């Protein structure tokens, strides 16, 4: 189960000053740790002016490419516009220089307008978009200070799949939506539970009872105050909006991956809600996620999730599973630019969401140690977020508390994954 070693390149796009009158800067880091250790400052800072054609929002805060499927020509044209808007110094940074060590380009931002840009389409006009090139892994990132240790899991890998169809939204065809994803998840090493009653209360109960490793949602989403929401049911079968913050409060620590798919049997209410929810602030602990960004066909959905879940079962690496699944869609007949609708949002620093192991290597004691390491890392990252928010005004006691908790998390992770 070979997993490549990545060279990380972090493109952090941040507004300085007022978001209306300030300037947009692109800061380059070599790791997420560097972002925190330097106070989010770096010597590599460049002004960035996105092309106007990509920043022209429509009335409902949706962009044109979220309305329907995107053509290959449109994807290549707008992706090259995005590349052309980057400073020359950034374009010269190596993305493909080392054959045996892929460059993992992580895009992060403090602005939803920048997050909404189609970075997956980025290309220089000389061949494939960067995201499809063999020495590049392009992903989004919600940075954290300490990498979350991957969880060793033996089969079966538990998946909870739920879709939604409140009667005050555009009705989708749930059986077809489920069937497009179900076949691969109905075979080893997965075990699939489909939530029959997609209300908030039923979801909370199912999460508590099933303790899934993967949560997969298919359906409508919406935007409220710029934040993404899933649209579930209430007791009257009307819509009940759930934010990323709400979801983070009820997810058990077993959930290692969040998959957010748009419906293909009905137009999504506001499809940007999927990626916006996946990019919820790091202070709310959501797992690494995969989300759609515009409309895709039924066949592309089938191809992507079959390839993604097959690869994930093999090595647990979301980076590689996502890359392989994008390639499968890009190679499929009549798929157009559907591959670029899928985006990977790394929220655990590594994208190594799980580590499949044989049952004989697993024990209740080992599982308890894994949960302990997960909780310790989460606590340390929560403190790091508070330090980053307070900046120079952070009290010394908070610095000391973070150092203690970070050391504890590091010791637990080292002990847990020390090879015999």
Protein backbone atom coordinates (compact mmCIF):
# COMPACT_ATOMS: atom_id res chain seq x y z
CA UNK A 1 0.00 0.00 0.00
CA UNK A 2 2.48 2.58 -1.21
CA UNK A 3 1.58 6.20 -0.47
CA UNK A 4 3.68 8.94 -2.10
CA UNK A 5 5.53 11.57 -0.14
CA UNK A 6 4.30 15.01 -1.12
CA UNK A 7 6.03 18.36 -1.48
CA UNK A 8 3.48 20.78 -0.08
CA UNK A 9 2.99 24.20 -1.60
CA UNK A 10 0.37 26.33 0.14
CA UNK A 11 -1.20 29.22 -1.74
CA UNK A 12 -2.96 31.29 0.89
CA UNK A 13 -5.03 34.12 -0.58
CA UNK A 14 -5.99 36.69 2.02
CA UNK A 15 -7.57 40.13 2.09
CA UNK A 16 -5.53 42.74 3.94
CA UNK A 17 -7.63 45.51 5.43
CA UNK A 18 -11.27 45.97 4.52
CA UNK A 19 -12.62 43.34 2.14
CA UNK A 20 -14.10 46.17 0.09
CA UNK A 21 -11.16 48.55 0.10
CA UNK A 22 -8.26 46.29 1.02
CA UNK A 23 -5.83 44.44 -1.22
CA UNK A 24 -5.78 40.76 -2.02
CA UNK A 25 -2.43 39.08 -1.39
CA UNK A 26 -1.19 35.64 -2.30
CA UNK A 27 1.14 34.20 0.33
CA UNK A 28 3.18 31.08 -0.33
CA UNK A 29 4.12 28.57 2.38
CA UNK A 30 5.81 25.18 2.32
CA UNK A 31 3.55 23.64 4.95
CA UNK A 32 0.57 24.34 7.17
CA UNK A 33 2.86 24.29 10.20
CA UNK A 34 4.84 27.14 8.66
CA UNK A 35 1.66 29.19 8.33
CA UNK A 36 1.03 28.95 12.05
CA UNK A 37 4.64 29.20 13.21
CA UNK A 38 5.25 32.42 11.28
CA UNK A 39 1.98 34.01 12.33
CA UNK A 40 0.69 33.59 8.78
CA UNK A 41 3.50 35.84 7.51
CA UNK A 42 5.97 34.89 4.84
CA UNK A 43 8.62 36.58 2.76
CA UNK A 44 6.83 35.30 -0.34
CA UNK A 45 3.91 37.73 -0.63
CA UNK A 46 2.48 38.76 -4.00
CA UNK A 47 -0.41 41.00 -5.02
CA UNK A 48 -3.21 39.08 -6.71
CA UNK A 49 -5.93 40.49 -8.95
CA UNK A 50 -8.43 37.82 -10.09
CA UNK A 51 -9.73 38.20 -13.66
CA UNK A 52 -13.04 40.11 -13.77
CA UNK A 53 -14.69 37.38 -15.87
CA UNK A 54 -14.32 35.03 -12.93
CA UNK A 55 -15.59 37.44 -10.28
CA UNK A 56 -18.84 38.54 -11.84
CA UNK A 57 -21.46 37.16 -9.46
CA UNK A 58 -25.12 36.74 -10.33
CA UNK A 59 -28.05 37.97 -8.28
CA UNK A 60 -28.17 35.00 -5.92
CA UNK A 61 -24.46 34.97 -5.08
CA UNK A 62 -23.99 32.09 -7.50
CA UNK A 63 -21.54 32.07 -10.37
CA UNK A 64 -22.40 31.19 -13.92
CA UNK A 65 -20.58 27.87 -13.90
CA UNK A 66 -22.70 26.63 -10.97
CA UNK A 67 -25.91 26.70 -13.01
CA UNK A 68 -25.25 23.81 -15.34
CA UNK A 69 -22.58 21.53 -16.72
CA UNK A 70 -19.39 23.19 -17.92
CA UNK A 71 -17.95 22.63 -21.39
CA UNK A 72 -14.31 21.70 -21.90
CA UNK A 73 -13.67 24.89 -23.87
CA UNK A 74 -15.14 27.05 -21.11
CA UNK A 75 -13.15 25.20 -18.48
CA UNK A 76 -9.85 25.62 -20.36
CA UNK A 77 -10.50 29.28 -21.18
CA UNK A 78 -11.42 30.32 -17.65
CA UNK A 79 -8.69 28.12 -16.11
CA UNK A 80 -6.08 29.86 -18.26
CA UNK A 81 -7.49 33.27 -17.32
CA UNK A 82 -6.98 32.32 -13.69
CA UNK A 83 -3.39 31.23 -14.40
CA UNK A 84 -2.65 34.41 -16.35
CA UNK A 85 -3.77 36.51 -13.37
CA UNK A 86 -1.12 34.98 -11.11
CA UNK A 87 2.14 36.91 -10.53
CA UNK A 88 5.10 35.72 -12.61
CA UNK A 89 7.05 34.81 -9.47
CA UNK A 90 4.31 32.39 -8.45
CA UNK A 91 4.18 30.81 -11.91
CA UNK A 92 7.89 30.03 -11.64
CA UNK A 93 7.46 28.02 -8.43
CA UNK A 94 8.03 24.34 -9.34
CA UNK A 95 4.92 22.20 -9.55
CA UNK A 96 6.34 19.24 -11.47
CA UNK A 97 10.09 19.31 -10.87
CA UNK A 98 10.61 16.10 -8.85
CA UNK A 99 9.39 12.93 -10.62
CA UNK A 100 8.97 10.70 -7.55
CA UNK A 101 7.53 13.30 -5.19
CA UNK A 102 4.28 14.92 -6.38
CA UNK A 103 3.67 18.55 -5.51
CA UNK A 104 0.51 18.86 -3.45
CA UNK A 105 -0.78 22.35 -4.22
CA UNK A 106 -3.19 23.44 -1.49
CA UNK A 107 -5.39 26.48 -2.06
CA UNK A 108 -6.61 28.25 1.08
CA UNK A 109 -8.29 31.60 1.58
CA UNK A 110 -10.02 33.88 4.05
CA UNK A 111 -12.66 34.89 1.49
CA UNK A 112 -15.56 32.90 0.06
CA UNK A 113 -15.25 34.87 -3.19
CA UNK A 114 -11.76 33.39 -3.67
CA UNK A 115 -12.82 29.95 -2.45
CA UNK A 116 -15.55 29.96 -5.11
CA UNK A 117 -13.06 30.40 -7.95
CA UNK A 118 -12.58 27.21 -10.02
CA UNK A 119 -8.98 26.46 -9.03
CA UNK A 120 -9.42 22.88 -10.27
CA UNK A 121 -9.45 24.28 -13.83
CA UNK A 122 -6.06 26.00 -13.45
CA UNK A 123 -3.99 25.51 -16.62
CA UNK A 124 -1.23 27.29 -18.52
CA UNK A 125 -2.57 26.49 -21.98
CA UNK A 126 0.17 23.96 -22.77
CA UNK A 127 -1.64 20.72 -22.03
CA UNK A 128 -3.71 19.14 -19.30
CA UNK A 129 -5.01 21.25 -16.41
CA UNK A 130 -2.56 21.01 -13.50
CA UNK A 131 -5.00 18.95 -11.42
CA UNK A 132 -4.80 16.10 -13.97
CA UNK A 133 -1.02 16.09 -14.37
CA UNK A 134 0.83 13.12 -12.84
CA UNK A 135 3.14 15.19 -10.61
CA UNK A 136 0.48 17.53 -9.17
CA UNK A 137 -2.21 16.94 -6.55
CA UNK A 138 -4.44 20.01 -6.39
CA UNK A 139 -6.68 20.37 -3.35
CA UNK A 140 -8.34 22.98 -1.18
CA UNK A 141 -7.20 23.35 2.42
CA UNK A 142 -8.63 24.49 5.73
CA UNK A 143 -5.29 24.71 7.56
CA UNK A 144 -4.71 23.32 11.04
CA UNK A 145 -1.61 23.48 13.24
CA UNK A 146 -1.14 19.76 13.96
CA UNK A 147 -1.84 16.96 11.52
CA UNK A 148 -4.62 14.65 12.67
CA UNK A 149 -3.27 11.10 12.98
CA UNK A 150 -4.93 8.67 10.57
CA UNK A 151 -7.17 6.08 12.18
CA UNK A 152 -6.34 2.41 11.63
CA UNK A 153 -9.53 0.68 10.57
CA UNK A 154 -10.31 -2.92 9.85
CA UNK A 155 -13.13 -3.97 7.56
CA UNK A 156 -15.93 -3.26 7.36
CA UNK A 157 -15.63 0.48 6.79
CA UNK A 158 -18.97 1.90 7.84
CA UNK A 159 -20.67 4.39 5.50
CA UNK A 160 -23.84 6.32 6.30
CA UNK A 161 -25.54 7.60 3.14
CA UNK A 162 -28.43 10.02 3.28
CA UNK A 163 -30.30 12.06 0.74
CA UNK A 164 -33.07 14.60 1.13
CA UNK A 165 -36.24 15.61 -0.66
CA UNK A 166 -38.28 18.14 1.32
CA UNK A 167 -41.54 18.92 -0.43
CA UNK A 168 -40.87 22.67 -0.55
CA UNK A 169 -37.72 22.12 -2.66
CA UNK A 170 -37.17 20.84 -6.19
CA UNK A 171 -38.02 17.16 -5.98
CA UNK A 172 -35.21 14.77 -6.81
CA UNK A 173 -35.41 11.03 -7.54
CA UNK A 174 -33.86 9.47 -4.45
CA UNK A 175 -33.62 5.83 -5.67
CA UNK A 176 -31.61 6.87 -8.75
CA UNK A 177 -29.39 9.16 -6.71
CA UNK A 178 -28.63 6.37 -4.24
CA UNK A 179 -28.13 3.73 -6.92
CA UNK A 180 -25.44 5.84 -8.63
CA UNK A 181 -23.30 5.59 -5.48
CA UNK A 182 -24.47 2.38 -3.84
CA UNK A 183 -22.84 -0.45 -5.87
CA UNK A 184 -19.23 0.05 -4.71
CA UNK A 185 -20.32 0.73 -1.13
CA UNK A 186 -22.38 -2.47 -1.05
CA UNK A 187 -19.25 -4.61 -1.47
CA UNK A 188 -16.30 -5.28 0.87
CA UNK A 189 -14.58 -3.63 2.61
CA UNK A 190 -17.56 -1.31 3.02
CA UNK A 191 -20.86 -1.76 4.79
CA UNK A 192 -23.57 0.72 3.81
CA UNK A 193 -26.44 2.13 5.83
CA UNK A 194 -28.97 4.30 3.96
CA UNK A 195 -30.85 6.68 6.22
CA UNK A 196 -34.52 6.20 5.41
CA UNK A 197 -35.76 9.24 7.34
CA UNK A 198 -33.55 12.22 6.43
CA UNK A 199 -34.55 14.51 9.28
CA UNK A 200 -32.05 16.21 11.56
CA UNK A 201 -33.18 14.14 14.53
CA UNK A 202 -32.91 10.88 12.58
CA UNK A 203 -29.42 11.82 11.34
CA UNK A 204 -28.21 12.62 14.86
CA UNK A 205 -29.59 9.30 16.12
CA UNK A 206 -28.02 7.36 13.22
CA UNK A 207 -24.63 8.97 13.79
CA UNK A 208 -24.78 8.01 17.46
CA UNK A 209 -25.90 4.44 16.74
CA UNK A 210 -23.89 3.62 13.61
CA UNK A 211 -20.65 5.47 14.48
CA UNK A 212 -19.81 5.67 10.75
CA UNK A 213 -16.36 6.21 9.29
CA UNK A 214 -17.73 8.04 6.23
CA UNK A 215 -20.76 10.31 5.97
CA UNK A 216 -22.09 10.76 2.41
CA UNK A 217 -24.79 13.32 1.61
CA UNK A 218 -26.65 13.76 -1.68
CA UNK A 219 -29.16 16.55 -2.15
CA UNK A 220 -29.92 20.23 -2.02
CA UNK A 221 -27.84 22.87 -0.29
CA UNK A 222 -28.27 26.56 0.39
CA UNK A 223 -26.41 29.68 1.46
CA UNK A 224 -27.29 31.65 4.56
CA UNK A 225 -25.15 34.70 5.39
CA UNK A 226 -22.58 33.33 2.97
CA UNK A 227 -22.27 29.96 4.74
CA UNK A 228 -23.16 26.58 3.28
CA UNK A 229 -26.07 24.55 4.62
CA UNK A 230 -27.45 21.08 3.96
CA UNK A 231 -31.20 21.05 3.43
CA UNK A 232 -32.79 18.23 5.44
CA UNK A 233 -36.41 17.63 6.49
CA UNK A 234 -38.34 18.72 9.54
CA UNK A 235 -41.26 16.84 11.09
CA UNK A 236 -43.63 18.33 8.50
CA UNK A 237 -41.39 17.26 5.59
CA UNK A 238 -40.41 20.87 4.96
CA UNK A 239 -36.83 22.06 4.63
CA UNK A 240 -34.56 22.24 7.67
CA UNK A 241 -31.21 23.93 7.04
CA UNK A 242 -28.08 22.54 8.74
CA UNK A 243 -24.83 24.54 8.85
CA UNK A 244 -21.29 23.22 9.07
CA UNK A 245 -21.21 24.40 12.68
CA UNK A 246 -24.35 22.38 13.46
CA UNK A 247 -22.89 19.31 11.79
CA UNK A 248 -19.57 19.59 13.63
CA UNK A 249 -21.35 19.40 16.98
CA UNK A 250 -22.93 15.99 16.28
CA UNK A 251 -20.26 14.15 14.29
CA UNK A 252 -18.69 11.33 16.32
CA UNK A 253 -14.87 11.08 16.25
CA UNK A 254 -15.17 7.97 14.07
CA UNK A 255 -16.16 10.08 11.03
CA UNK A 256 -13.03 10.47 8.94
CA UNK A 257 -14.50 11.70 5.66
CA UNK A 258 -17.44 13.86 4.59
CA UNK A 259 -18.70 13.46 1.01
CA UNK A 260 -21.11 16.10 -0.31
CA UNK A 261 -22.69 15.32 -3.68
CA UNK A 262 -25.11 17.37 -5.70
CA UNK A 263 -28.27 15.77 -7.03
CA UNK A 264 -28.39 15.05 -10.78
CA UNK A 265 -32.13 14.30 -11.03
CA UNK A 266 -33.09 17.89 -10.11
CA UNK A 267 -31.39 21.32 -10.22
CA UNK A 268 -29.69 21.99 -6.91
CA UNK A 269 -31.16 24.84 -4.90
CA UNK A 270 -27.76 26.53 -4.39
CA UNK A 271 -24.95 24.18 -5.28
CA UNK A 272 -22.24 26.42 -3.80
CA UNK A 273 -23.57 25.42 -0.40
CA UNK A 274 -21.69 22.12 -0.72
CA UNK A 275 -18.21 23.60 -1.04
CA UNK A 276 -18.99 26.45 1.35
CA UNK A 277 -19.96 23.94 4.04
CA UNK A 278 -16.84 21.87 3.37
CA UNK A 279 -14.81 25.07 3.89
CA UNK A 280 -16.41 25.90 7.25
CA UNK A 281 -13.97 27.63 9.60
CA UNK A 282 -11.27 25.44 11.15
CA UNK A 283 -12.58 26.24 14.62
CA UNK A 284 -15.44 23.86 13.83
CA UNK A 285 -14.04 20.35 13.57
CA UNK A 286 -15.24 18.86 10.33
CA UNK A 287 -13.29 16.06 8.60
CA UNK A 288 -11.57 16.17 5.22
CA UNK A 289 -14.29 16.46 2.57
CA UNK A 290 -15.12 15.96 -1.11
CA UNK A 291 -17.74 18.28 -2.61
CA UNK A 292 -19.31 19.14 -5.96
CA UNK A 293 -19.05 22.69 -7.30
CA UNK A 294 -21.36 22.55 -10.32
CA UNK A 295 -23.78 20.22 -12.06
CA UNK A 296 -22.65 16.75 -13.20
CA UNK A 297 -24.28 13.88 -15.04
CA UNK A 298 -25.46 10.59 -13.61
CA UNK A 299 -22.74 8.65 -15.41
CA UNK A 300 -20.00 10.95 -14.05
CA UNK A 301 -21.33 10.47 -10.54
CA UNK A 302 -21.22 6.69 -10.98
CA UNK A 303 -17.69 6.74 -12.38
CA UNK A 304 -16.25 9.14 -9.80
CA UNK A 305 -17.55 7.48 -6.65
CA UNK A 306 -16.81 3.95 -7.86
CA UNK A 307 -13.19 4.90 -8.55
CA UNK A 308 -12.85 7.03 -5.41
CA UNK A 309 -14.15 4.43 -2.98
CA UNK A 310 -12.19 1.63 -4.65
CA UNK A 311 -8.94 3.56 -4.30
CA UNK A 312 -9.72 4.75 -0.77
CA UNK A 313 -10.33 1.18 0.40
CA UNK A 314 -6.88 0.24 -0.83
CA UNK A 315 -4.71 2.86 0.89
CA UNK A 316 -6.92 5.29 2.82
CA UNK A 317 -5.29 8.27 1.10
CA UNK A 318 -7.90 10.80 0.00
CA UNK A 319 -5.31 12.67 -2.11
CA UNK A 320 -4.65 9.64 -4.32
CA UNK A 321 -8.24 8.38 -4.34
CA UNK A 322 -9.46 11.80 -5.44
CA UNK A 323 -6.78 12.15 -8.13
CA UNK A 324 -7.54 8.71 -9.55
CA UNK A 325 -11.29 9.34 -9.54
CA UNK A 326 -10.88 12.67 -11.35
CA UNK A 327 -8.84 10.88 -14.02
CA UNK A 328 -11.50 8.20 -14.43
CA UNK A 329 -14.18 10.84 -15.04
CA UNK A 330 -11.95 12.87 -17.38
CA UNK A 331 -11.35 9.70 -19.44
CA UNK A 332 -15.00 8.65 -19.58
CA UNK A 333 -16.99 9.25 -22.82
CA UNK A 334 -19.10 12.42 -22.94
CA UNK A 335 -18.02 13.49 -19.44
CA UNK A 336 -17.00 16.97 -20.59
CA UNK A 337 -15.52 18.94 -17.70
CA UNK A 338 -17.44 17.04 -15.03
CA UNK A 339 -14.18 15.91 -13.38
CA UNK A 340 -13.56 19.54 -12.35
CA UNK A 341 -16.83 19.74 -10.41
CA UNK A 342 -15.35 17.55 -7.69
CA UNK A 343 -13.09 19.26 -5.17
CA UNK A 344 -11.04 17.86 -2.30
CA UNK A 345 -10.95 19.94 0.87
CA UNK A 346 -8.21 18.76 3.25
CA UNK A 347 -9.10 19.53 6.86
CA UNK A 348 -6.73 17.14 8.65
CA UNK A 349 -3.51 18.57 7.12
CA UNK A 350 -2.56 15.28 5.43
CA UNK A 351 -5.58 13.87 3.61
CA UNK A 352 -4.68 10.42 5.01
CA UNK A 353 -8.16 9.84 6.34
CA UNK A 354 -7.79 6.21 7.39
CA UNK A 355 -5.35 3.32 7.37
CA UNK A 356 -6.88 -0.04 6.39
CA UNK A 357 -5.46 -2.88 8.49
CA UNK A 358 -6.02 -6.59 8.98
CA UNK A 359 -8.34 -7.57 11.82
CA UNK A 360 -5.64 -9.49 13.70
CA UNK A 361 -3.56 -6.30 14.10
CA UNK A 362 -6.42 -4.46 15.77
CA UNK A 363 -7.38 -4.48 19.44
CA UNK A 364 -9.80 -2.55 21.71
CA UNK A 365 -6.80 -1.07 23.50
CA UNK A 366 -5.34 0.18 20.23
CA UNK A 367 -8.67 1.70 19.26
CA UNK A 368 -8.88 3.53 22.59
CA UNK A 369 -5.37 4.90 22.05
CA UNK A 370 -6.34 6.13 18.59
CA UNK A 371 -9.37 7.99 19.93
CA UNK A 372 -7.21 9.51 22.66
CA UNK A 373 -4.66 10.72 20.08
CA UNK A 374 -7.45 12.15 17.93
CA UNK A 375 -8.96 14.08 20.84
CA UNK A 376 -5.56 15.37 21.98
CA UNK A 377 -4.76 16.65 18.48
CA UNK A 378 -8.18 18.30 18.24
CA UNK A 379 -7.66 20.10 21.56
CA UNK A 380 -4.21 21.33 20.51
CA UNK A 381 -5.60 22.58 17.19
CA UNK A 382 -8.44 24.38 18.96
CA UNK A 383 -5.89 26.22 21.09
CA UNK A 384 -3.81 27.03 17.99
CA UNK A 385 -6.89 28.60 16.39
CA UNK A 386 -7.42 30.77 19.46
CA UNK A 387 -3.79 31.89 19.35
CA UNK A 388 -4.06 32.72 15.65
CA UNK A 389 -7.23 34.72 16.27
CA UNK A 390 -5.80 36.69 19.20
CA UNK A 391 -2.42 37.25 17.55
CA UNK A 392 -0.06 39.42 19.61
CA UNK A 393 -2.80 39.91 22.22
CA UNK A 394 -2.83 36.23 23.20
CA UNK A 395 -1.92 35.79 26.90
CA UNK A 396 1.23 33.89 27.82
CA UNK A 397 -0.87 31.34 29.70
CA UNK A 398 -2.59 30.39 26.44
CA UNK A 399 0.78 29.91 24.73
CA UNK A 400 1.92 27.62 27.53
CA UNK A 401 -1.31 25.64 27.46
CA UNK A 402 -0.95 25.13 23.71
CA UNK A 403 2.66 23.99 24.05
CA UNK A 404 1.66 21.45 26.70
CA UNK A 405 -1.26 20.08 24.69
CA UNK A 406 0.75 20.01 21.45
CA UNK A 407 3.48 18.02 23.18
CA UNK A 408 0.90 15.58 24.56
CA UNK A 409 -0.69 15.12 21.13
CA UNK A 410 2.69 14.61 19.51
CA UNK A 411 3.72 12.00 22.10
CA UNK A 412 0.45 10.08 21.72
CA UNK A 413 0.66 10.08 17.93
CA UNK A 414 4.31 8.99 17.98
CA UNK A 415 3.54 6.17 20.39
CA UNK A 416 0.52 5.10 18.40
CA UNK A 417 2.23 4.83 15.04
CA UNK A 418 5.68 3.75 16.12
CA UNK A 419 6.57 0.72 14.05
CA UNK A 420 7.69 -2.44 15.82
